[in-house]
């Protein structure tokens, strides 16, 4: 469906703290068909088993629309952990998601992907821009 898309870019005007670059995700799931898309980042087998949290900063674009919630996924070779992030606003927020909240995954010793999913069920409005910055695993 060519009406669906997620375009990622590195944005230095909206970086957290005004330093470096933020991950900018421009999404569109406004389609007559069931729609989902997103962004994924390879984690190359990183061992996150010694960490307790996935930590990042997030905000919606102040000049455009954005969904106040997105689905996050963490993956290993055989499992997918899902978490619904809610409460996104136009201000940068530091988010600490306990790894135990990622339903569907038990083994964090060899992580393969971090995914941000926009879909027509959870994303409202269905077109918008969300920023992420300083994504890490922490205790």
C-alpha atoms as a PDB file:
ATOM      1  CA  UNK A   1       0.000   0.000   0.000  1.00  0.00           C
ATOM      2  CA  UNK A   2       1.887   3.113  -1.190  1.00  0.00           C
ATOM      3  CA  UNK A   3      -0.197   5.388   1.070  1.00  0.00           C
ATOM      4  CA  UNK A   4       1.585   4.038   4.190  1.00  0.00           C
ATOM      5  CA  UNK A   5       5.089   5.091   5.182  1.00  0.00           C
ATOM      6  CA  UNK A   6       7.570   5.830   7.915  1.00  0.00           C
ATOM      7  CA  UNK A   7      10.501   8.045   7.013  1.00  0.00           C
ATOM      8  CA  UNK A   8      13.394   8.327   9.434  1.00  0.00           C
ATOM      9  CA  UNK A   9      15.956  11.103   9.584  1.00  0.00           C
ATOM     10  CA  UNK A  10      18.537  12.525  11.942  1.00  0.00           C
ATOM     11  CA  UNK A  11      17.411  15.966  13.080  1.00  0.00           C
ATOM     12  CA  UNK A  12      19.775  18.388  14.811  1.00  0.00           C
ATOM     13  CA  UNK A  13      17.217  21.193  15.299  1.00  0.00           C
ATOM     14  CA  UNK A  14      15.103  19.043  17.601  1.00  0.00           C
ATOM     15  CA  UNK A  15      17.848  17.121  19.402  1.00  0.00           C
ATOM     16  CA  UNK A  16      17.413  16.658  23.138  1.00  0.00           C
ATOM     17  CA  UNK A  17      19.380  19.384  24.921  1.00  0.00           C
ATOM     18  CA  UNK A  18      20.212  21.005  21.573  1.00  0.00           C
ATOM     19  CA  UNK A  19      23.235  18.738  21.123  1.00  0.00           C
ATOM     20  CA  UNK A  20      23.786  16.117  18.423  1.00  0.00           C
ATOM     21  CA  UNK A  21      20.876  14.606  16.533  1.00  0.00           C
ATOM     22  CA  UNK A  22      17.466  13.200  17.402  1.00  0.00           C
ATOM     23  CA  UNK A  23      15.829  10.357  15.527  1.00  0.00           C
ATOM     24  CA  UNK A  24      12.897  11.885  13.638  1.00  0.00           C
ATOM     25  CA  UNK A  25      10.118   9.498  12.571  1.00  0.00           C
ATOM     26  CA  UNK A  26       7.530  10.854  10.109  1.00  0.00           C
ATOM     27  CA  UNK A  27       4.778   8.242   9.910  1.00  0.00           C
ATOM     28  CA  UNK A  28       1.579   7.786   7.897  1.00  0.00           C
ATOM     29  CA  UNK A  29      -0.841   4.922   8.572  1.00  0.00           C
ATOM     30  CA  UNK A  30      -3.884   6.720   7.146  1.00  0.00           C
ATOM     31  CA  UNK A  31      -5.053   4.069   4.703  1.00  0.00           C
ATOM     32  CA  UNK A  32      -8.278   2.331   3.693  1.00  0.00           C
ATOM     33  CA  UNK A  33      -6.420  -0.941   4.341  1.00  0.00           C
ATOM     34  CA  UNK A  34      -5.095  -2.298   7.653  1.00  0.00           C
ATOM     35  CA  UNK A  35      -1.911  -0.294   8.146  1.00  0.00           C
ATOM     36  CA  UNK A  36       1.311  -0.461  10.112  1.00  0.00           C
ATOM     37  CA  UNK A  37       4.904   0.589   9.597  1.00  0.00           C
ATOM     38  CA  UNK A  38       7.784   1.812  11.658  1.00  0.00           C
ATOM     39  CA  UNK A  39      11.476   2.043  12.313  1.00  0.00           C
ATOM     40  CA  UNK A  40      13.864  -0.700  13.361  1.00  0.00           C
ATOM     41  CA  UNK A  41      17.412  -0.566  14.629  1.00  0.00           C
ATOM     42  CA  UNK A  42      19.759  -3.560  14.601  1.00  0.00           C
ATOM     43  CA  UNK A  43      21.177  -4.381  18.015  1.00  0.00           C
ATOM     44  CA  UNK A  44      23.715  -6.927  16.675  1.00  0.00           C
ATOM     45  CA  UNK A  45      23.332  -9.437  19.503  1.00  0.00           C
ATOM     46  CA  UNK A  46      23.878  -6.984  22.366  1.00  0.00           C
ATOM     47  CA  UNK A  47      23.623  -8.626  25.794  1.00  0.00           C
ATOM     48  CA  UNK A  48      20.988  -6.637  27.708  1.00  0.00           C
ATOM     49  CA  UNK A  49      20.466  -9.326  30.358  1.00  0.00           C
ATOM     50  CA  UNK A  50      22.460  -7.351  32.937  1.00  0.00           C
ATOM     51  CA  UNK A  51      20.246  -4.282  32.483  1.00  0.00           C
ATOM     52  CA  UNK A  52      16.842  -3.469  33.968  1.00  0.00           C
ATOM     53  CA  UNK A  53      15.536  -0.687  31.712  1.00  0.00           C
ATOM     54  CA  UNK A  54      15.260   0.559  28.171  1.00  0.00           C
ATOM     55  CA  UNK A  55      15.782   4.328  28.527  1.00  0.00           C
ATOM     56  CA  UNK A  56      15.246   7.121  25.998  1.00  0.00           C
ATOM     57  CA  UNK A  57      13.871  10.617  25.486  1.00  0.00           C
ATOM     58  CA  UNK A  58      10.736  11.091  23.384  1.00  0.00           C
ATOM     59  CA  UNK A  59       8.501  13.921  22.180  1.00  0.00           C
ATOM     60  CA  UNK A  60       5.947  14.709  19.483  1.00  0.00           C
ATOM     61  CA  UNK A  61       6.442  17.462  16.941  1.00  0.00           C
ATOM     62  CA  UNK A  62       5.019  20.775  18.201  1.00  0.00           C
ATOM     63  CA  UNK A  63       4.210  22.074  14.697  1.00  0.00           C
ATOM     64  CA  UNK A  64       2.603  18.872  13.347  1.00  0.00           C
ATOM     65  CA  UNK A  65       0.299  16.193  14.601  1.00  0.00           C
ATOM     66  CA  UNK A  66       1.570  13.127  16.461  1.00  0.00           C
ATOM     67  CA  UNK A  67       0.227  10.104  18.243  1.00  0.00           C
ATOM     68  CA  UNK A  68       0.528  10.217  22.037  1.00  0.00           C
ATOM     69  CA  UNK A  69       1.230   6.473  21.961  1.00  0.00           C
ATOM     70  CA  UNK A  70       3.406   4.094  19.952  1.00  0.00           C
ATOM     71  CA  UNK A  71       4.210   0.415  20.199  1.00  0.00           C
ATOM     72  CA  UNK A  72       7.806  -0.526  21.039  1.00  0.00           C
ATOM     73  CA  UNK A  73       9.335  -3.930  20.401  1.00  0.00           C
ATOM     74  CA  UNK A  74      12.533  -5.627  21.482  1.00  0.00           C
ATOM     75  CA  UNK A  75      13.543  -8.776  19.611  1.00  0.00           C
ATOM     76  CA  UNK A  76      15.965 -11.633  19.938  1.00  0.00           C
ATOM     77  CA  UNK A  77      16.313 -14.495  17.428  1.00  0.00           C
ATOM     78  CA  UNK A  78      13.090 -16.209  18.497  1.00  0.00           C
ATOM     79  CA  UNK A  79      11.084 -13.834  20.719  1.00  0.00           C
ATOM     80  CA  UNK A  80       9.347 -10.472  20.325  1.00  0.00           C
ATOM     81  CA  UNK A  81       8.648  -8.341  23.395  1.00  0.00           C
ATOM     82  CA  UNK A  82       5.982  -5.652  23.006  1.00  0.00           C
ATOM     83  CA  UNK A  83       5.253  -2.544  25.058  1.00  0.00           C
ATOM     84  CA  UNK A  84       2.716   0.231  24.426  1.00  0.00           C
ATOM     85  CA  UNK A  85       4.282   3.591  25.242  1.00  0.00           C
ATOM     86  CA  UNK A  86       1.666   6.203  26.182  1.00  0.00           C
ATOM     87  CA  UNK A  87       1.715   9.844  27.257  1.00  0.00           C
ATOM     88  CA  UNK A  88       3.889  11.355  24.526  1.00  0.00           C
ATOM     89  CA  UNK A  89       3.654  15.166  24.561  1.00  0.00           C
ATOM     90  CA  UNK A  90       5.381  18.065  22.779  1.00  0.00           C
ATOM     91  CA  UNK A  91       7.986  18.260  25.571  1.00  0.00           C
ATOM     92  CA  UNK A  92      10.992  15.974  25.867  1.00  0.00           C
ATOM     93  CA  UNK A  93      10.337  13.261  28.449  1.00  0.00           C
ATOM     94  CA  UNK A  94      12.837  10.783  29.828  1.00  0.00           C
ATOM     95  CA  UNK A  95      11.257   7.333  29.729  1.00  0.00           C
ATOM     96  CA  UNK A  96      12.491   4.266  31.645  1.00  0.00           C
ATOM     97  CA  UNK A  97      10.692   1.103  30.578  1.00  0.00           C
ATOM     98  CA  UNK A  98      11.460  -1.955  32.724  1.00  0.00           C
ATOM     99  CA  UNK A  99      12.583  -4.751  30.427  1.00  0.00           C
ATOM    100  CA  UNK A 100      10.159  -6.985  32.315  1.00  0.00           C
ATOM    101  CA  UNK A 101       7.302  -4.915  30.794  1.00  0.00           C
ATOM    102  CA  UNK A 102       8.120  -6.143  27.273  1.00  0.00           C
ATOM    103  CA  UNK A 103       5.491  -8.881  27.064  1.00  0.00           C
ATOM    104  CA  UNK A 104       6.570 -11.900  25.048  1.00  0.00           C
ATOM    105  CA  UNK A 105      10.305 -11.928  25.653  1.00  0.00           C
ATOM    106  CA  UNK A 106      12.245 -13.677  28.401  1.00  0.00           C
ATOM    107  CA  UNK A 107      15.805 -13.813  27.069  1.00  0.00           C
ATOM    108  CA  UNK A 108      17.628 -10.483  26.788  1.00  0.00           C
ATOM    109  CA  UNK A 109      21.096 -11.994  26.314  1.00  0.00           C
ATOM    110  CA  UNK A 110      21.333 -11.577  22.530  1.00  0.00           C
ATOM    111  CA  UNK A 111      19.114  -8.751  21.319  1.00  0.00           C
ATOM    112  CA  UNK A 112      18.655  -8.353  17.572  1.00  0.00           C
ATOM    113  CA  UNK A 113      16.322  -5.343  17.113  1.00  0.00           C
ATOM    114  CA  UNK A 114      14.678  -2.313  18.681  1.00  0.00           C
ATOM    115  CA  UNK A 115      11.476  -1.384  16.808  1.00  0.00           C
ATOM    116  CA  UNK A 116       9.056   1.567  16.910  1.00  0.00           C
ATOM    117  CA  UNK A 117       5.703   0.561  15.390  1.00  0.00           C
ATOM    118  CA  UNK A 118       2.981   2.883  14.133  1.00  0.00           C
ATOM    119  CA  UNK A 119      -0.331   1.193  13.334  1.00  0.00           C
ATOM    120  CA  UNK A 120      -3.888   2.173  12.531  1.00  0.00           C
ATOM    121  CA  UNK A 121      -5.133   0.777  15.871  1.00  0.00           C
ATOM    122  CA  UNK A 122      -2.814   2.641  18.269  1.00  0.00           C
ATOM    123  CA  UNK A 123      -1.686   5.680  16.276  1.00  0.00           C
ATOM    124  CA  UNK A 124      -4.115   8.572  16.465  1.00  0.00           C
ATOM    125  CA  UNK A 125      -3.770  10.809  14.572  1.00  0.00           C
ATOM    126  CA  UNK A 126      -2.708   8.482  11.797  1.00  0.00           C
ATOM    127  CA  UNK A 127      -0.156  10.941  10.348  1.00  0.00           C
ATOM    128  CA  UNK A 128       2.525  12.687  12.379  1.00  0.00           C
ATOM    129  CA  UNK A 129       6.079  13.078  13.638  1.00  0.00           C
ATOM    130  CA  UNK A 130       7.704  11.678  16.771  1.00  0.00           C
ATOM    131  CA  UNK A 131      11.286  12.168  17.984  1.00  0.00           C
ATOM    132  CA  UNK A 132      13.511   9.795  19.982  1.00  0.00           C
ATOM    133  CA  UNK A 133      16.928  10.561  21.458  1.00  0.00           C
ATOM    134  CA  UNK A 134      19.591   8.968  23.679  1.00  0.00           C
ATOM    135  CA  UNK A 135      18.273   5.396  23.439  1.00  0.00           C
ATOM    136  CA  UNK A 136      20.100   3.046  25.822  1.00  0.00           C
ATOM    137  CA  UNK A 137      19.905   0.122  28.232  1.00  0.00           C
ATOM    138  CA  UNK A 138      20.474   1.077  31.898  1.00  0.00           C
ATOM    139  CA  UNK A 139      20.201  -0.170  35.476  1.00  0.00           C
END
